[in-house]
Amino acid sequence: MNADGSNEVNLTSTPNINEDQPAWSPDGTRIAFTSDRNDIAGVTDIWVIGADGSNQTNLTPTIGGADNFHEYR
């Protein structure tokens, strides 16, 4: 989006998913954010996406349920 809030663009298109805490990379080419898109109750992963919406990557993939979360920290 523009600095004035106009021209907003949705990069992830995931309407039923919680995606929060966006942060720009220092060079302005990527955005890191948290997401619960893996549908594991109580578990949120850290994702990174290109500023143009490309190359969505899960940096902290969690395998199993919330009970197994402690094994992957």
PDB file of N, CA and C in Angstrom:
ATOM      1  N   MET A   1       0.829  -1.170   0.000  1.00  0.00           N
ATOM      2  CA  MET A   1       0.000   0.000   0.000  1.00  0.00           C
ATOM      3  C   MET A   1       0.876   1.237   0.000  1.00  0.00           C
ATOM      4  N   ASN A   2       0.273   2.307  -0.391  1.00  0.00           N
ATOM      5  CA  ASN A   2       0.977   3.584  -0.354  1.00  0.00           C
ATOM      6  C   ASN A   2       1.068   4.095   1.080  1.00  0.00           C
ATOM      7  N   ALA A   3       1.960   5.032   1.308  1.00  0.00           N
ATOM      8  CA  ALA A   3       2.162   5.584   2.642  1.00  0.00           C
ATOM      9  C   ALA A   3       0.880   6.189   3.222  1.00  0.00           C
ATOM     10  N   ASP A   4      -0.011   6.665   2.364  1.00  0.00           N
ATOM     11  CA  ASP A   4      -1.263   7.270   2.846  1.00  0.00           C
ATOM     12  C   ASP A   4      -2.368   6.239   3.083  1.00  0.00           C
ATOM     13  N   GLY A   5      -2.054   4.941   2.891  1.00  0.00           N
ATOM     14  CA  GLY A   5      -3.028   3.877   3.127  1.00  0.00           C
ATOM     15  C   GLY A   5      -3.825   3.483   1.897  1.00  0.00           C
ATOM     16  N   SER A   6      -3.655   4.163   0.808  1.00  0.00           N
ATOM     17  CA  SER A   6      -4.363   3.805  -0.423  1.00  0.00           C
ATOM     18  C   SER A   6      -3.626   2.687  -1.155  1.00  0.00           C
ATOM     19  N   ASN A   7      -4.302   2.058  -2.110  1.00  0.00           N
ATOM     20  CA  ASN A   7      -3.728   1.006  -2.942  1.00  0.00           C
ATOM     21  C   ASN A   7      -3.313  -0.220  -2.124  1.00  0.00           C
ATOM     22  N   GLU A   8      -4.143  -0.588  -1.151  1.00  0.00           N
ATOM     23  CA  GLU A   8      -3.879  -1.754  -0.315  1.00  0.00           C
ATOM     24  C   GLU A   8      -3.936  -3.030  -1.153  1.00  0.00           C
ATOM     25  N   VAL A   9      -3.003  -3.956  -0.912  1.00  0.00           N
ATOM     26  CA  VAL A   9      -2.933  -5.219  -1.646  1.00  0.00           C
ATOM     27  C   VAL A   9      -2.863  -6.367  -0.646  1.00  0.00           C
ATOM     28  N   ASN A  10      -3.723  -7.371  -0.819  1.00  0.00           N
ATOM     29  CA  ASN A  10      -3.695  -8.564   0.021  1.00  0.00           C
ATOM     30  C   ASN A  10      -2.678  -9.533  -0.564  1.00  0.00           C
ATOM     31  N   LEU A  11      -1.648  -9.866   0.199  1.00  0.00           N
ATOM     32  CA  LEU A  11      -0.588 -10.737  -0.302  1.00  0.00           C
ATOM     33  C   LEU A  11      -0.840 -12.216  -0.055  1.00  0.00           C
ATOM     34  N   THR A  12      -1.644 -12.570   0.965  1.00  0.00           N
ATOM     35  CA  THR A  12      -1.765 -13.971   1.342  1.00  0.00           C
ATOM     36  C   THR A  12      -3.087 -14.619   0.957  1.00  0.00           C
ATOM     37  N   SER A  13      -4.156 -13.887   0.823  1.00  0.00           N
ATOM     38  CA  SER A  13      -5.462 -14.428   0.422  1.00  0.00           C
ATOM     39  C   SER A  13      -5.882 -15.632   1.260  1.00  0.00           C
ATOM     40  N   THR A  14      -5.836 -15.495   2.558  1.00  0.00           N
ATOM     41  CA  THR A  14      -6.232 -16.560   3.477  1.00  0.00           C
ATOM     42  C   THR A  14      -7.276 -15.993   4.457  1.00  0.00           C
ATOM     43  N   PRO A  15      -8.525 -15.886   4.030  1.00  0.00           N
ATOM     44  CA  PRO A  15      -9.547 -15.188   4.829  1.00  0.00           C
ATOM     45  C   PRO A  15      -9.876 -15.819   6.179  1.00  0.00           C
ATOM     46  N   ASN A  16      -9.706 -17.095   6.366  1.00  0.00           N
ATOM     47  CA  ASN A  16     -10.067 -17.753   7.624  1.00  0.00           C
ATOM     48  C   ASN A  16      -8.858 -18.094   8.483  1.00  0.00           C
ATOM     49  N   ILE A  17      -7.733 -17.468   8.207  1.00  0.00           N
ATOM     50  CA  ILE A  17      -6.477 -17.751   8.898  1.00  0.00           C
ATOM     51  C   ILE A  17      -6.033 -16.500   9.654  1.00  0.00           C
ATOM     52  N   ASN A  18      -5.510 -16.673  10.861  1.00  0.00           N
ATOM     53  CA  ASN A  18      -4.946 -15.556  11.611  1.00  0.00           C
ATOM     54  C   ASN A  18      -3.515 -15.328  11.149  1.00  0.00           C
ATOM     55  N   GLU A  19      -3.250 -14.142  10.649  1.00  0.00           N
ATOM     56  CA  GLU A  19      -1.902 -13.735  10.253  1.00  0.00           C
ATOM     57  C   GLU A  19      -1.623 -12.394  10.911  1.00  0.00           C
ATOM     58  N   ASP A  20      -0.603 -12.357  11.743  1.00  0.00           N
ATOM     59  CA  ASP A  20      -0.354 -11.194  12.576  1.00  0.00           C
ATOM     60  C   ASP A  20       1.113 -10.815  12.599  1.00  0.00           C
ATOM     61  N   GLN A  21       1.401  -9.732  13.280  1.00  0.00           N
ATOM     62  CA  GLN A  21       2.744  -9.260  13.603  1.00  0.00           C
ATOM     63  C   GLN A  21       3.671  -9.132  12.386  1.00  0.00           C
ATOM     64  N   PRO A  22       3.235  -8.449  11.330  1.00  0.00           N
ATOM     65  CA  PRO A  22       4.112  -8.295  10.168  1.00  0.00           C
ATOM     66  C   PRO A  22       5.315  -7.423  10.489  1.00  0.00           C
ATOM     67  N   ALA A  23       6.444  -7.764   9.875  1.00  0.00           N
ATOM     68  CA  ALA A  23       7.671  -6.975  10.039  1.00  0.00           C
ATOM     69  C   ALA A  23       8.465  -7.026   8.738  1.00  0.00           C
ATOM     70  N   TRP A  24       8.848  -5.859   8.244  1.00  0.00           N
ATOM     71  CA  TRP A  24       9.633  -5.785   7.017  1.00  0.00           C
ATOM     72  C   TRP A  24      11.064  -6.232   7.250  1.00  0.00           C
ATOM     73  N   SER A  25      11.655  -6.861   6.245  1.00  0.00           N
ATOM     74  CA  SER A  25      13.084  -7.168   6.300  1.00  0.00           C
ATOM     75  C   SER A  25      13.851  -5.846   6.161  1.00  0.00           C
ATOM     76  N   PRO A  26      15.090  -5.799   6.637  1.00  0.00           N
ATOM     77  CA  PRO A  26      15.865  -4.553   6.548  1.00  0.00           C
ATOM     78  C   PRO A  26      16.001  -4.010   5.122  1.00  0.00           C
ATOM     79  N   ASP A  27      16.054  -4.897   4.131  1.00  0.00           N
ATOM     80  CA  ASP A  27      16.211  -4.428   2.755  1.00  0.00           C
ATOM     81  C   ASP A  27      14.882  -4.150   2.059  1.00  0.00           C
ATOM     82  N   GLY A  28      13.759  -4.373   2.754  1.00  0.00           N
ATOM     83  CA  GLY A  28      12.441  -4.056   2.212  1.00  0.00           C
ATOM     84  C   GLY A  28      11.928  -5.012   1.158  1.00  0.00           C
ATOM     85  N   THR A  29      12.544  -6.178   1.007  1.00  0.00           N
ATOM     86  CA  THR A  29      12.114  -7.115  -0.028  1.00  0.00           C
ATOM     87  C   THR A  29      11.197  -8.216   0.489  1.00  0.00           C
ATOM     88  N   ARG A  30      11.150  -8.397   1.819  1.00  0.00           N
ATOM     89  CA  ARG A  30      10.343  -9.478   2.395  1.00  0.00           C
ATOM     90  C   ARG A  30       9.595  -8.993   3.633  1.00  0.00           C
ATOM     91  N   ILE A  31       8.571  -9.755   3.996  1.00  0.00           N
ATOM     92  CA  ILE A  31       7.788  -9.476   5.195  1.00  0.00           C
ATOM     93  C   ILE A  31       7.698 -10.761   5.998  1.00  0.00           C
ATOM     94  N   ALA A  32       8.063 -10.707   7.260  1.00  0.00           N
ATOM     95  CA  ALA A  32       7.885 -11.835   8.172  1.00  0.00           C
ATOM     96  C   ALA A  32       6.567 -11.633   8.907  1.00  0.00           C
ATOM     97  N   PHE A  33       5.867 -12.721   9.227  1.00  0.00           N
ATOM     98  CA  PHE A  33       4.603 -12.627   9.944  1.00  0.00           C
ATOM     99  C   PHE A  33       4.322 -13.942  10.643  1.00  0.00           C
ATOM    100  N   THR A  34       3.423 -13.913  11.615  1.00  0.00           N
ATOM    101  CA  THR A  34       3.002 -15.144  12.281  1.00  0.00           C
ATOM    102  C   THR A  34       1.696 -15.610  11.658  1.00  0.00           C
ATOM    103  N   SER A  35       1.492 -16.931  11.653  1.00  0.00           N
ATOM    104  CA  SER A  35       0.276 -17.500  11.074  1.00  0.00           C
ATOM    105  C   SER A  35      -0.048 -18.834  11.725  1.00  0.00           C
ATOM    106  N   ASP A  36      -1.352 -19.077  11.884  1.00  0.00           N
ATOM    107  CA  ASP A  36      -1.797 -20.377  12.389  1.00  0.00           C
ATOM    108  C   ASP A  36      -2.377 -21.227  11.256  1.00  0.00           C
ATOM    109  N   ARG A  37      -1.918 -21.003  10.050  1.00  0.00           N
ATOM    110  CA  ARG A  37      -2.477 -21.679   8.873  1.00  0.00           C
ATOM    111  C   ARG A  37      -2.259 -23.183   8.851  1.00  0.00           C
ATOM    112  N   ASN A  38      -1.387 -23.716   9.692  1.00  0.00           N
ATOM    113  CA  ASN A  38      -1.195 -25.168   9.740  1.00  0.00           C
ATOM    114  C   ASN A  38      -2.321 -25.885  10.448  1.00  0.00           C
ATOM    115  N   ASP A  39      -3.260 -25.121  11.015  1.00  0.00           N
ATOM    116  CA  ASP A  39      -4.468 -25.670  11.630  1.00  0.00           C
ATOM    117  C   ASP A  39      -4.174 -26.634  12.770  1.00  0.00           C
ATOM    118  N   ILE A  40      -3.136 -26.317  13.550  1.00  0.00           N
ATOM    119  CA  ILE A  40      -2.828 -27.087  14.751  1.00  0.00           C
ATOM    120  C   ILE A  40      -3.187 -26.181  15.923  1.00  0.00           C
ATOM    121  N   ALA A  41      -4.153 -26.587  16.705  1.00  0.00           N
ATOM    122  CA  ALA A  41      -4.672 -25.742  17.779  1.00  0.00           C
ATOM    123  C   ALA A  41      -3.558 -25.249  18.698  1.00  0.00           C
ATOM    124  N   GLY A  42      -3.522 -23.937  18.901  1.00  0.00           N
ATOM    125  CA  GLY A  42      -2.576 -23.350  19.830  1.00  0.00           C
ATOM    126  C   GLY A  42      -1.176 -23.149  19.294  1.00  0.00           C
ATOM    127  N   VAL A  43      -0.935 -23.432  18.018  1.00  0.00           N
ATOM    128  CA  VAL A  43       0.414 -23.323  17.465  1.00  0.00           C
ATOM    129  C   VAL A  43       0.436 -22.282  16.350  1.00  0.00           C
ATOM    130  N   THR A  44       1.379 -21.377  16.446  1.00  0.00           N
ATOM    131  CA  THR A  44       1.570 -20.350  15.428  1.00  0.00           C
ATOM    132  C   THR A  44       2.999 -20.472  14.909  1.00  0.00           C
ATOM    133  N   ASP A  45       3.148 -20.422  13.604  1.00  0.00           N
ATOM    134  CA  ASP A  45       4.469 -20.496  12.979  1.00  0.00           C
ATOM    135  C   ASP A  45       4.877 -19.120  12.469  1.00  0.00           C
ATOM    136  N   ILE A  46       6.160 -18.966  12.177  1.00  0.00           N
ATOM    137  CA  ILE A  46       6.685 -17.744  11.582  1.00  0.00           C
ATOM    138  C   ILE A  46       6.888 -17.993  10.095  1.00  0.00           C
ATOM    139  N   TRP A  47       6.324 -17.122   9.293  1.00  0.00           N
ATOM    140  CA  TRP A  47       6.406 -17.218   7.848  1.00  0.00           C
ATOM    141  C   TRP A  47       7.132 -16.002   7.291  1.00  0.00           C
ATOM    142  N   VAL A  48       7.645 -16.125   6.087  1.00  0.00           N
ATOM    143  CA  VAL A  48       8.214 -14.988   5.368  1.00  0.00           C
ATOM    144  C   VAL A  48       7.651 -15.027   3.948  1.00  0.00           C
ATOM    145  N   ILE A  49       7.413 -13.849   3.392  1.00  0.00           N
ATOM    146  CA  ILE A  49       6.837 -13.729   2.055  1.00  0.00           C
ATOM    147  C   ILE A  49       7.532 -12.570   1.350  1.00  0.00           C
ATOM    148  N   GLY A  50       7.682 -12.687   0.033  1.00  0.00           N
ATOM    149  CA  GLY A  50       8.234 -11.578  -0.737  1.00  0.00           C
ATOM    150  C   GLY A  50       7.283 -10.394  -0.697  1.00  0.00           C
ATOM    151  N   ALA A  51       7.810  -9.195  -0.823  1.00  0.00           N
ATOM    152  CA  ALA A  51       6.981  -7.989  -0.784  1.00  0.00           C
ATOM    153  C   ALA A  51       5.934  -7.981  -1.885  1.00  0.00           C
ATOM    154  N   ASP A  52       6.139  -8.789  -2.921  1.00  0.00           N
ATOM    155  CA  ASP A  52       5.171  -8.890  -4.012  1.00  0.00           C
ATOM    156  C   ASP A  52       4.218 -10.079  -3.838  1.00  0.00           C
ATOM    157  N   GLY A  53       4.316 -10.791  -2.704  1.00  0.00           N
ATOM    158  CA  GLY A  53       3.448 -11.939  -2.431  1.00  0.00           C
ATOM    159  C   GLY A  53       4.029 -13.276  -2.851  1.00  0.00           C
ATOM    160  N   SER A  54       5.215 -13.276  -3.401  1.00  0.00           N
ATOM    161  CA  SER A  54       5.835 -14.512  -3.880  1.00  0.00           C
ATOM    162  C   SER A  54       6.617 -15.215  -2.774  1.00  0.00           C
ATOM    163  N   ASN A  55       6.910 -16.469  -3.022  1.00  0.00           N
ATOM    164  CA  ASN A  55       7.808 -17.266  -2.172  1.00  0.00           C
ATOM    165  C   ASN A  55       7.422 -17.311  -0.698  1.00  0.00           C
ATOM    166  N   GLN A  56       6.179 -17.677  -0.411  1.00  0.00           N
ATOM    167  CA  GLN A  56       5.765 -17.851   0.978  1.00  0.00           C
ATOM    168  C   GLN A  56       6.497 -19.061   1.546  1.00  0.00           C
ATOM    169  N   THR A  57       7.175 -18.860   2.679  1.00  0.00           N
ATOM    170  CA  THR A  57       7.981 -19.917   3.285  1.00  0.00           C
ATOM    171  C   THR A  57       7.720 -19.972   4.782  1.00  0.00           C
ATOM    172  N   ASN A  58       7.453 -21.169   5.288  1.00  0.00           N
ATOM    173  CA  ASN A  58       7.287 -21.362   6.722  1.00  0.00           C
ATOM    174  C   ASN A  58       8.673 -21.582   7.326  1.00  0.00           C
ATOM    175  N   LEU A  59       9.105 -20.671   8.189  1.00  0.00           N
ATOM    176  CA  LEU A  59      10.430 -20.768   8.798  1.00  0.00           C
ATOM    177  C   LEU A  59      10.457 -21.667  10.021  1.00  0.00           C
ATOM    178  N   THR A  60       9.293 -21.922  10.618  1.00  0.00           N
ATOM    179  CA  THR A  60       9.230 -22.718  11.847  1.00  0.00           C
ATOM    180  C   THR A  60       8.135 -23.778  11.743  1.00  0.00           C
ATOM    181  N   PRO A  61       8.213 -24.674  10.769  1.00  0.00           N
ATOM    182  CA  PRO A  61       7.149 -25.668  10.609  1.00  0.00           C
ATOM    183  C   PRO A  61       7.003 -26.554  11.842  1.00  0.00           C
ATOM    184  N   THR A  62       5.778 -26.662  12.302  1.00  0.00           N
ATOM    185  CA  THR A  62       5.468 -27.479  13.466  1.00  0.00           C
ATOM    186  C   THR A  62       4.809 -28.762  12.992  1.00  0.00           C
ATOM    187  N   ILE A  63       5.319 -29.882  13.457  1.00  0.00           N
ATOM    188  CA  ILE A  63       4.788 -31.187  13.075  1.00  0.00           C
ATOM    189  C   ILE A  63       4.081 -31.773  14.281  1.00  0.00           C
ATOM    190  N   GLY A  64       2.903 -32.314  14.079  1.00  0.00           N
ATOM    191  CA  GLY A  64       2.153 -32.888  15.185  1.00  0.00           C
ATOM    192  C   GLY A  64       1.219 -31.873  15.806  1.00  0.00           C
ATOM    193  N   GLY A  65       0.686 -32.176  16.958  1.00  0.00           N
ATOM    194  CA  GLY A  65      -0.266 -31.309  17.627  1.00  0.00           C
ATOM    195  C   GLY A  65       0.395 -30.378  18.611  1.00  0.00           C
ATOM    196  N   ALA A  66      -0.430 -29.579  19.267  1.00  0.00           N
ATOM    197  CA  ALA A  66       0.070 -28.612  20.241  1.00  0.00           C
ATOM    198  C   ALA A  66       0.817 -29.308  21.372  1.00  0.00           C
ATOM    199  N   ASP A  67       0.462 -30.556  21.685  1.00  0.00           N
ATOM    200  CA  ASP A  67       1.151 -31.289  22.741  1.00  0.00           C
ATOM    201  C   ASP A  67       2.612 -31.540  22.411  1.00  0.00           C
ATOM    202  N   ASN A  68       2.954 -31.556  21.119  1.00  0.00           N
ATOM    203  CA  ASN A  68       4.318 -31.807  20.679  1.00  0.00           C
ATOM    204  C   ASN A  68       5.107 -30.517  20.470  1.00  0.00           C
ATOM    205  N   PHE A  69       4.478 -29.369  20.687  1.00  0.00           N
ATOM    206  CA  PHE A  69       5.102 -28.096  20.377  1.00  0.00           C
ATOM    207  C   PHE A  69       6.445 -27.910  21.081  1.00  0.00           C
ATOM    208  N   HIS A  70       6.550 -28.352  22.317  1.00  0.00           N
ATOM    209  CA  HIS A  70       7.788 -28.145  23.077  1.00  0.00           C
ATOM    210  C   HIS A  70       8.989 -28.808  22.424  1.00  0.00           C
ATOM    211  N   GLU A  71       8.756 -29.823  21.595  1.00  0.00           N
ATOM    212  CA  GLU A  71       9.854 -30.539  20.961  1.00  0.00           C
ATOM    213  C   GLU A  71      10.472 -29.735  19.829  1.00  0.00           C
ATOM    214  N   TYR A  72       9.792 -28.697  19.349  1.00  0.00           N
ATOM    215  CA  TYR A  72      10.242 -27.976  18.167  1.00  0.00           C
ATOM    216  C   TYR A  72      10.671 -26.550  18.461  1.00  0.00           C
ATOM    217  N   ARG A  73      10.773 -26.187  19.715  1.00  0.00           N
ATOM    218  CA  ARG A  73      11.211 -24.818  20.027  1.00  0.00           C
ATOM    219  C   ARG A  73      12.693 -24.713  19.962  1.00  0.00           C
TER     220      ARG A  73
END
